[in-house]
């Protein structure tokens, strides 16, 4: 698998994948067309907050990932949130998720890496644990605008 920066040529394919990902049990919210398009546009612009990547096998687009940047005052260092990691079903179980996590770690070696995962997503949990992620004892809260 190759990992490359998302480009305008990838946009519609990534949005199609987002529709599937956000409608799955792997995500607690369903998102919307407006959100998917805003996310991809943010990845394609000069955003200091969001980076988008695509995963390819040869000429085939097989998945995507998005990273959000922040700073953790709790840990005193930059924080990279691994927002989305999605692979087409036929390309799962090949170690591509682990490959993307290693890519992120190499790209941001001094950053704190964080992510969210649904408690019953056992495949993702195994992948994250295998790659050194542990559970934090936090209750996450959100205030919707």
N, C-alpha and C. Protein backbone atom coordinates (compact mmCIF):
# COMPACT_ATOMS: atom_id res chain seq x y z
N UNK A 1 0.84 -1.18 0.00
CA UNK A 1 0.00 0.00 0.00
C UNK A 1 0.88 1.24 0.00
N UNK A 2 0.46 2.25 -0.74
CA UNK A 2 1.12 3.54 -0.74
C UNK A 2 0.20 4.54 -0.04
N UNK A 3 0.82 5.49 0.66
CA UNK A 3 0.09 6.55 1.33
C UNK A 3 0.51 7.85 0.65
N UNK A 4 -0.47 8.61 0.21
CA UNK A 4 -0.16 9.88 -0.44
C UNK A 4 -1.15 10.94 0.00
N UNK A 5 -0.77 12.20 -0.17
CA UNK A 5 -1.66 13.30 0.17
C UNK A 5 -2.89 13.27 -0.72
N UNK A 6 -4.02 13.56 -0.12
CA UNK A 6 -5.28 13.64 -0.85
C UNK A 6 -5.21 14.81 -1.84
N UNK A 7 -5.72 14.57 -3.04
CA UNK A 7 -5.79 15.63 -4.06
C UNK A 7 -7.23 15.78 -4.52
N UNK A 8 -7.48 16.82 -5.27
CA UNK A 8 -8.82 17.07 -5.81
C UNK A 8 -9.32 15.86 -6.60
N UNK A 9 -8.43 15.15 -7.28
CA UNK A 9 -8.83 13.98 -8.06
C UNK A 9 -9.39 12.86 -7.18
N UNK A 10 -9.04 12.86 -5.90
CA UNK A 10 -9.53 11.83 -4.97
C UNK A 10 -10.83 12.21 -4.29
N UNK A 11 -11.24 13.46 -4.37
CA UNK A 11 -12.32 14.00 -3.54
C UNK A 11 -13.61 13.17 -3.58
N UNK A 12 -14.15 12.89 -4.75
CA UNK A 12 -15.43 12.19 -4.83
C UNK A 12 -15.32 10.76 -4.31
N UNK A 13 -14.21 10.11 -4.58
CA UNK A 13 -14.02 8.75 -4.07
C UNK A 13 -13.93 8.74 -2.55
N UNK A 14 -13.24 9.72 -1.99
CA UNK A 14 -13.13 9.80 -0.53
C UNK A 14 -14.51 10.09 0.07
N UNK A 15 -15.26 10.99 -0.54
CA UNK A 15 -16.61 11.30 -0.03
C UNK A 15 -17.49 10.06 -0.09
N UNK A 16 -17.38 9.27 -1.12
CA UNK A 16 -18.13 8.00 -1.19
C UNK A 16 -17.76 7.09 -0.03
N UNK A 17 -16.46 7.00 0.26
CA UNK A 17 -16.00 6.17 1.38
C UNK A 17 -16.51 6.73 2.71
N UNK A 18 -16.52 8.06 2.84
CA UNK A 18 -17.01 8.69 4.07
C UNK A 18 -18.48 8.35 4.30
N UNK A 19 -19.27 8.35 3.24
CA UNK A 19 -20.69 7.99 3.37
C UNK A 19 -20.82 6.60 3.99
N UNK A 20 -20.03 5.66 3.50
CA UNK A 20 -20.07 4.29 4.01
C UNK A 20 -19.56 4.22 5.44
N UNK A 21 -18.42 4.86 5.69
CA UNK A 21 -17.79 4.83 7.02
C UNK A 21 -18.73 5.42 8.07
N UNK A 22 -19.29 6.59 7.79
CA UNK A 22 -20.12 7.27 8.79
C UNK A 22 -21.50 6.63 8.96
N UNK A 23 -21.90 5.78 8.05
CA UNK A 23 -23.16 5.04 8.20
C UNK A 23 -22.95 3.71 8.89
N UNK A 24 -21.70 3.36 9.19
CA UNK A 24 -21.37 2.06 9.78
C UNK A 24 -21.38 2.15 11.31
N UNK A 25 -21.37 1.00 11.98
CA UNK A 25 -21.28 0.99 13.44
C UNK A 25 -19.93 1.49 13.98
N UNK A 26 -18.96 1.71 13.11
CA UNK A 26 -17.64 2.18 13.54
C UNK A 26 -17.66 3.64 13.99
N UNK A 27 -18.74 4.35 13.66
CA UNK A 27 -18.84 5.78 13.98
C UNK A 27 -20.19 6.03 14.64
N UNK A 28 -20.19 6.82 15.70
CA UNK A 28 -21.44 7.04 16.44
C UNK A 28 -22.35 8.10 15.81
N UNK A 29 -21.83 8.89 14.88
CA UNK A 29 -22.66 9.88 14.19
C UNK A 29 -22.69 9.55 12.71
N UNK A 30 -23.74 9.98 12.04
CA UNK A 30 -23.87 9.67 10.62
C UNK A 30 -23.25 10.71 9.69
N UNK A 31 -22.86 11.85 10.21
CA UNK A 31 -22.30 12.89 9.35
C UNK A 31 -23.36 13.40 8.39
N UNK A 32 -22.92 14.10 7.37
CA UNK A 32 -23.83 14.62 6.36
C UNK A 32 -23.02 14.98 5.14
N UNK A 33 -23.70 15.17 4.03
CA UNK A 33 -23.00 15.57 2.80
C UNK A 33 -22.23 16.87 3.02
N UNK A 34 -22.85 17.81 3.72
CA UNK A 34 -22.19 19.09 3.96
C UNK A 34 -20.91 18.90 4.78
N UNK A 35 -20.98 18.04 5.80
CA UNK A 35 -19.79 17.78 6.63
C UNK A 35 -18.72 17.06 5.82
N UNK A 36 -19.10 16.05 5.05
CA UNK A 36 -18.11 15.31 4.26
C UNK A 36 -17.39 16.24 3.30
N UNK A 37 -18.16 17.06 2.61
CA UNK A 37 -17.55 17.99 1.63
C UNK A 37 -16.69 19.04 2.33
N UNK A 38 -17.13 19.54 3.48
CA UNK A 38 -16.33 20.52 4.22
C UNK A 38 -15.01 19.88 4.69
N UNK A 39 -15.08 18.63 5.16
CA UNK A 39 -13.86 17.94 5.61
C UNK A 39 -12.87 17.79 4.46
N UNK A 40 -13.36 17.33 3.33
CA UNK A 40 -12.47 17.13 2.18
C UNK A 40 -11.91 18.46 1.69
N UNK A 41 -12.73 19.49 1.63
CA UNK A 41 -12.24 20.81 1.21
C UNK A 41 -11.17 21.32 2.16
N UNK A 42 -11.35 21.08 3.46
CA UNK A 42 -10.35 21.49 4.45
C UNK A 42 -9.03 20.75 4.19
N UNK A 43 -9.12 19.47 3.86
CA UNK A 43 -7.92 18.68 3.55
C UNK A 43 -7.22 19.19 2.30
N UNK A 44 -7.99 19.66 1.34
CA UNK A 44 -7.42 20.08 0.06
C UNK A 44 -6.89 21.51 0.09
N UNK A 45 -7.33 22.30 1.05
CA UNK A 45 -6.87 23.68 1.16
C UNK A 45 -5.57 23.75 1.94
N UNK A 46 -5.24 24.95 2.33
CA UNK A 46 -4.01 25.17 3.09
C UNK A 46 -4.30 25.19 4.58
N UNK A 47 -5.15 24.30 5.04
CA UNK A 47 -5.56 24.27 6.43
C UNK A 47 -4.41 23.91 7.36
N UNK A 48 -4.24 24.67 8.44
CA UNK A 48 -3.25 24.27 9.45
C UNK A 48 -3.81 23.19 10.39
N UNK A 49 -5.10 22.84 10.23
CA UNK A 49 -5.77 21.95 11.17
C UNK A 49 -5.98 20.52 10.69
N UNK A 50 -6.20 20.32 9.41
CA UNK A 50 -6.60 19.00 8.92
C UNK A 50 -5.77 18.58 7.72
N UNK A 51 -5.31 17.33 7.74
CA UNK A 51 -4.57 16.74 6.62
C UNK A 51 -5.33 15.51 6.15
N UNK A 52 -5.39 15.33 4.84
CA UNK A 52 -6.04 14.15 4.28
C UNK A 52 -5.06 13.31 3.49
N UNK A 53 -5.20 12.00 3.63
CA UNK A 53 -4.34 11.04 2.93
C UNK A 53 -5.21 9.99 2.27
N UNK A 54 -4.71 9.45 1.18
CA UNK A 54 -5.37 8.32 0.54
C UNK A 54 -4.41 7.15 0.53
N UNK A 55 -5.00 5.96 0.52
CA UNK A 55 -4.24 4.72 0.49
C UNK A 55 -4.50 4.08 -0.86
N UNK A 56 -3.45 3.74 -1.54
CA UNK A 56 -3.59 3.13 -2.87
C UNK A 56 -2.84 1.82 -2.93
N UNK A 57 -3.34 0.96 -3.78
CA UNK A 57 -2.66 -0.29 -4.12
C UNK A 57 -2.61 -0.27 -5.64
N UNK A 58 -1.42 -0.03 -6.17
CA UNK A 58 -1.31 0.18 -7.61
C UNK A 58 -2.07 1.45 -7.97
N UNK A 59 -3.00 1.34 -8.90
CA UNK A 59 -3.82 2.49 -9.31
C UNK A 59 -5.15 2.55 -8.57
N UNK A 60 -5.38 1.62 -7.65
CA UNK A 60 -6.67 1.51 -6.97
C UNK A 60 -6.66 2.26 -5.65
N UNK A 61 -7.61 3.15 -5.46
CA UNK A 61 -7.80 3.85 -4.19
C UNK A 61 -8.52 2.90 -3.25
N UNK A 62 -7.87 2.54 -2.13
CA UNK A 62 -8.42 1.51 -1.24
C UNK A 62 -8.84 2.04 0.12
N UNK A 63 -8.56 3.31 0.41
CA UNK A 63 -8.95 3.87 1.68
C UNK A 63 -8.45 5.29 1.83
N UNK A 64 -8.74 5.84 3.01
CA UNK A 64 -8.31 7.21 3.29
C UNK A 64 -8.11 7.37 4.79
N UNK A 65 -7.40 8.43 5.16
CA UNK A 65 -7.21 8.80 6.55
C UNK A 65 -7.18 10.30 6.68
N UNK A 66 -7.60 10.80 7.84
CA UNK A 66 -7.54 12.24 8.11
C UNK A 66 -6.93 12.47 9.48
N UNK A 67 -6.08 13.50 9.56
CA UNK A 67 -5.40 13.86 10.80
C UNK A 67 -5.74 15.30 11.16
N UNK A 68 -6.11 15.53 12.41
CA UNK A 68 -6.38 16.88 12.90
C UNK A 68 -5.28 17.26 13.90
N UNK A 69 -4.83 18.51 13.82
CA UNK A 69 -3.73 18.96 14.66
C UNK A 69 -4.24 19.86 15.79
N UNK A 70 -3.67 19.65 16.97
CA UNK A 70 -3.96 20.53 18.11
C UNK A 70 -2.74 20.52 19.03
N UNK A 71 -2.92 21.06 20.23
CA UNK A 71 -1.86 21.05 21.23
C UNK A 71 -2.45 20.52 22.52
N UNK A 72 -1.75 19.63 23.18
CA UNK A 72 -2.21 19.08 24.45
C UNK A 72 -1.51 19.80 25.60
N UNK A 73 -2.28 20.61 26.34
CA UNK A 73 -1.71 21.24 27.52
C UNK A 73 -1.47 20.21 28.62
N UNK A 74 -2.24 19.14 28.60
CA UNK A 74 -2.07 18.07 29.59
C UNK A 74 -0.70 17.40 29.46
N UNK A 75 -0.24 17.23 28.21
CA UNK A 75 1.03 16.55 27.96
C UNK A 75 2.14 17.51 27.50
N UNK A 76 1.79 18.79 27.25
CA UNK A 76 2.79 19.78 26.89
C UNK A 76 3.44 19.57 25.54
N UNK A 77 2.66 19.09 24.57
CA UNK A 77 3.23 18.86 23.24
C UNK A 77 2.13 18.88 22.19
N UNK A 78 2.53 18.97 20.92
CA UNK A 78 1.54 18.90 19.85
C UNK A 78 0.77 17.58 19.92
N UNK A 79 -0.46 17.63 19.49
CA UNK A 79 -1.33 16.46 19.50
C UNK A 79 -1.87 16.24 18.09
N UNK A 80 -1.75 15.04 17.62
CA UNK A 80 -2.32 14.66 16.33
C UNK A 80 -3.48 13.72 16.60
N UNK A 81 -4.66 14.14 16.20
CA UNK A 81 -5.86 13.31 16.32
C UNK A 81 -6.03 12.52 15.03
N UNK A 82 -6.03 11.23 15.14
CA UNK A 82 -6.28 10.37 13.98
C UNK A 82 -7.80 10.29 13.87
N UNK A 83 -8.34 11.12 12.99
CA UNK A 83 -9.79 11.31 12.90
C UNK A 83 -10.49 10.19 12.16
N UNK A 84 -10.05 9.88 10.99
CA UNK A 84 -10.67 8.84 10.18
C UNK A 84 -9.60 7.90 9.67
N UNK A 85 -9.88 6.63 9.73
CA UNK A 85 -9.09 5.61 9.04
C UNK A 85 -10.11 4.66 8.45
N UNK A 86 -10.16 4.61 7.12
CA UNK A 86 -11.15 3.76 6.45
C UNK A 86 -10.48 2.99 5.33
N UNK A 87 -10.77 1.71 5.27
CA UNK A 87 -10.30 0.85 4.18
C UNK A 87 -11.50 0.14 3.57
N UNK A 88 -11.50 0.01 2.26
CA UNK A 88 -12.54 -0.78 1.61
C UNK A 88 -12.50 -2.20 2.17
N UNK A 89 -13.65 -2.85 2.29
CA UNK A 89 -13.70 -4.18 2.92
C UNK A 89 -12.71 -5.20 2.35
N UNK A 90 -12.51 -5.22 1.04
CA UNK A 90 -11.60 -6.20 0.45
C UNK A 90 -10.14 -5.97 0.80
N UNK A 91 -9.81 -4.81 1.40
CA UNK A 91 -8.42 -4.48 1.70
C UNK A 91 -8.14 -4.46 3.19
N UNK A 92 -9.09 -4.89 3.99
CA UNK A 92 -8.90 -4.95 5.44
C UNK A 92 -8.16 -6.23 5.80
N UNK A 93 -7.50 -6.22 6.93
CA UNK A 93 -6.79 -7.40 7.40
C UNK A 93 -5.44 -7.60 6.73
N UNK A 94 -4.96 -6.61 6.01
CA UNK A 94 -3.66 -6.71 5.33
C UNK A 94 -2.57 -5.90 6.02
N UNK A 95 -2.89 -5.31 7.18
CA UNK A 95 -1.90 -4.51 7.89
C UNK A 95 -1.84 -3.06 7.44
N UNK A 96 -2.77 -2.65 6.60
CA UNK A 96 -2.74 -1.28 6.08
C UNK A 96 -3.04 -0.25 7.17
N UNK A 97 -3.93 -0.58 8.11
CA UNK A 97 -4.20 0.33 9.22
C UNK A 97 -2.95 0.55 10.05
N UNK A 98 -2.24 -0.52 10.34
CA UNK A 98 -0.98 -0.42 11.08
C UNK A 98 0.06 0.38 10.29
N UNK A 99 0.07 0.20 8.99
CA UNK A 99 1.01 0.94 8.14
C UNK A 99 0.72 2.44 8.23
N UNK A 100 -0.56 2.81 8.23
CA UNK A 100 -0.91 4.22 8.34
C UNK A 100 -0.51 4.77 9.71
N UNK A 101 -0.75 4.02 10.77
CA UNK A 101 -0.36 4.47 12.10
C UNK A 101 1.16 4.67 12.19
N UNK A 102 1.94 3.79 11.59
CA UNK A 102 3.40 3.93 11.58
C UNK A 102 3.80 5.17 10.77
N UNK A 103 3.09 5.43 9.67
CA UNK A 103 3.34 6.62 8.86
C UNK A 103 3.11 7.89 9.70
N UNK A 104 2.02 7.93 10.45
CA UNK A 104 1.69 9.09 11.28
C UNK A 104 2.76 9.27 12.35
N UNK A 105 3.14 8.18 12.99
CA UNK A 105 4.16 8.26 14.04
C UNK A 105 5.49 8.75 13.48
N UNK A 106 5.87 8.30 12.30
CA UNK A 106 7.12 8.75 11.68
C UNK A 106 7.04 10.22 11.26
N UNK A 107 5.88 10.64 10.80
CA UNK A 107 5.68 12.03 10.35
C UNK A 107 5.68 12.99 11.54
N UNK A 108 5.16 12.55 12.67
CA UNK A 108 5.05 13.39 13.87
C UNK A 108 5.66 12.67 15.07
N UNK A 109 6.98 12.47 15.07
CA UNK A 109 7.60 11.64 16.11
C UNK A 109 7.52 12.19 17.52
N UNK A 110 7.39 13.49 17.69
CA UNK A 110 7.35 14.05 19.04
C UNK A 110 5.93 14.42 19.48
N UNK A 111 4.94 14.11 18.68
CA UNK A 111 3.56 14.47 19.00
C UNK A 111 2.86 13.35 19.78
N UNK A 112 1.89 13.76 20.54
CA UNK A 112 0.97 12.83 21.19
C UNK A 112 -0.03 12.39 20.13
N UNK A 113 -0.23 11.10 19.98
CA UNK A 113 -1.20 10.59 19.01
C UNK A 113 -2.45 10.16 19.76
N UNK A 114 -3.61 10.64 19.30
CA UNK A 114 -4.88 10.30 19.94
C UNK A 114 -5.88 9.89 18.88
N UNK A 115 -6.86 9.13 19.33
CA UNK A 115 -7.95 8.73 18.43
C UNK A 115 -9.15 8.32 19.25
N UNK A 116 -10.27 8.21 18.58
CA UNK A 116 -11.49 7.71 19.19
C UNK A 116 -11.88 6.45 18.46
N UNK A 117 -12.47 5.52 19.20
CA UNK A 117 -12.92 4.27 18.59
C UNK A 117 -14.16 3.80 19.34
N UNK A 118 -15.10 3.25 18.62
CA UNK A 118 -16.29 2.71 19.26
C UNK A 118 -15.89 1.47 20.06
N UNK A 119 -16.46 1.31 21.25
CA UNK A 119 -16.08 0.22 22.15
C UNK A 119 -16.29 -1.17 21.56
N UNK A 120 -17.26 -1.31 20.67
CA UNK A 120 -17.55 -2.64 20.11
C UNK A 120 -16.85 -2.87 18.77
N UNK A 121 -15.98 -1.97 18.35
CA UNK A 121 -15.24 -2.15 17.10
C UNK A 121 -13.96 -2.93 17.42
N UNK A 122 -14.13 -4.23 17.62
CA UNK A 122 -13.04 -5.08 18.10
C UNK A 122 -11.85 -5.16 17.14
N UNK A 123 -12.11 -5.13 15.85
CA UNK A 123 -11.00 -5.19 14.88
C UNK A 123 -10.14 -3.95 15.00
N UNK A 124 -10.77 -2.77 15.05
CA UNK A 124 -10.01 -1.53 15.18
C UNK A 124 -9.28 -1.49 16.53
N UNK A 125 -9.96 -1.90 17.59
CA UNK A 125 -9.32 -1.92 18.92
C UNK A 125 -8.07 -2.78 18.93
N UNK A 126 -8.14 -3.95 18.31
CA UNK A 126 -6.95 -4.83 18.24
C UNK A 126 -5.82 -4.14 17.49
N UNK A 127 -6.16 -3.50 16.38
CA UNK A 127 -5.13 -2.81 15.59
C UNK A 127 -4.49 -1.70 16.41
N UNK A 128 -5.30 -0.89 17.07
CA UNK A 128 -4.75 0.23 17.84
C UNK A 128 -3.91 -0.27 19.01
N UNK A 129 -4.40 -1.27 19.72
CA UNK A 129 -3.63 -1.81 20.86
C UNK A 129 -2.32 -2.42 20.39
N UNK A 130 -2.37 -3.14 19.28
CA UNK A 130 -1.16 -3.75 18.73
C UNK A 130 -0.12 -2.69 18.39
N UNK A 131 -0.59 -1.49 18.08
CA UNK A 131 0.30 -0.40 17.70
C UNK A 131 0.60 0.55 18.86
N UNK A 132 0.36 0.09 20.08
CA UNK A 132 0.79 0.82 21.26
C UNK A 132 -0.22 1.80 21.86
N UNK A 133 -1.42 1.86 21.35
CA UNK A 133 -2.42 2.75 21.91
C UNK A 133 -3.07 2.11 23.13
N UNK A 134 -3.34 2.92 24.13
CA UNK A 134 -4.03 2.46 25.33
C UNK A 134 -5.27 3.32 25.57
N UNK A 135 -6.08 2.87 26.48
CA UNK A 135 -7.34 3.56 26.79
C UNK A 135 -7.10 4.62 27.85
N UNK A 136 -7.72 5.79 27.66
CA UNK A 136 -7.68 6.84 28.67
C UNK A 136 -8.99 6.83 29.46
N UNK A 137 -8.93 7.15 30.72
CA UNK A 137 -10.13 7.09 31.56
C UNK A 137 -10.94 8.39 31.52
N UNK A 138 -11.27 8.86 30.33
CA UNK A 138 -11.98 10.12 30.18
C UNK A 138 -13.40 9.89 29.69
N UNK A 139 -14.25 10.81 30.07
CA UNK A 139 -15.57 10.90 29.49
C UNK A 139 -15.50 12.07 28.53
N UNK A 140 -15.69 11.82 27.27
CA UNK A 140 -15.65 12.90 26.29
C UNK A 140 -17.01 13.57 26.22
N UNK A 141 -16.99 14.89 26.15
CA UNK A 141 -18.22 15.65 26.07
C UNK A 141 -18.15 16.57 24.86
N UNK A 142 -19.31 16.95 24.34
CA UNK A 142 -19.37 17.84 23.19
C UNK A 142 -20.57 18.76 23.35
N UNK A 143 -20.41 19.99 22.90
CA UNK A 143 -21.53 20.94 22.85
C UNK A 143 -21.73 21.27 21.38
N UNK A 144 -22.84 20.89 20.87
CA UNK A 144 -23.12 21.12 19.45
C UNK A 144 -23.60 22.54 19.24
N UNK A 145 -23.14 23.14 18.18
CA UNK A 145 -23.54 24.52 17.85
C UNK A 145 -24.95 24.55 17.28
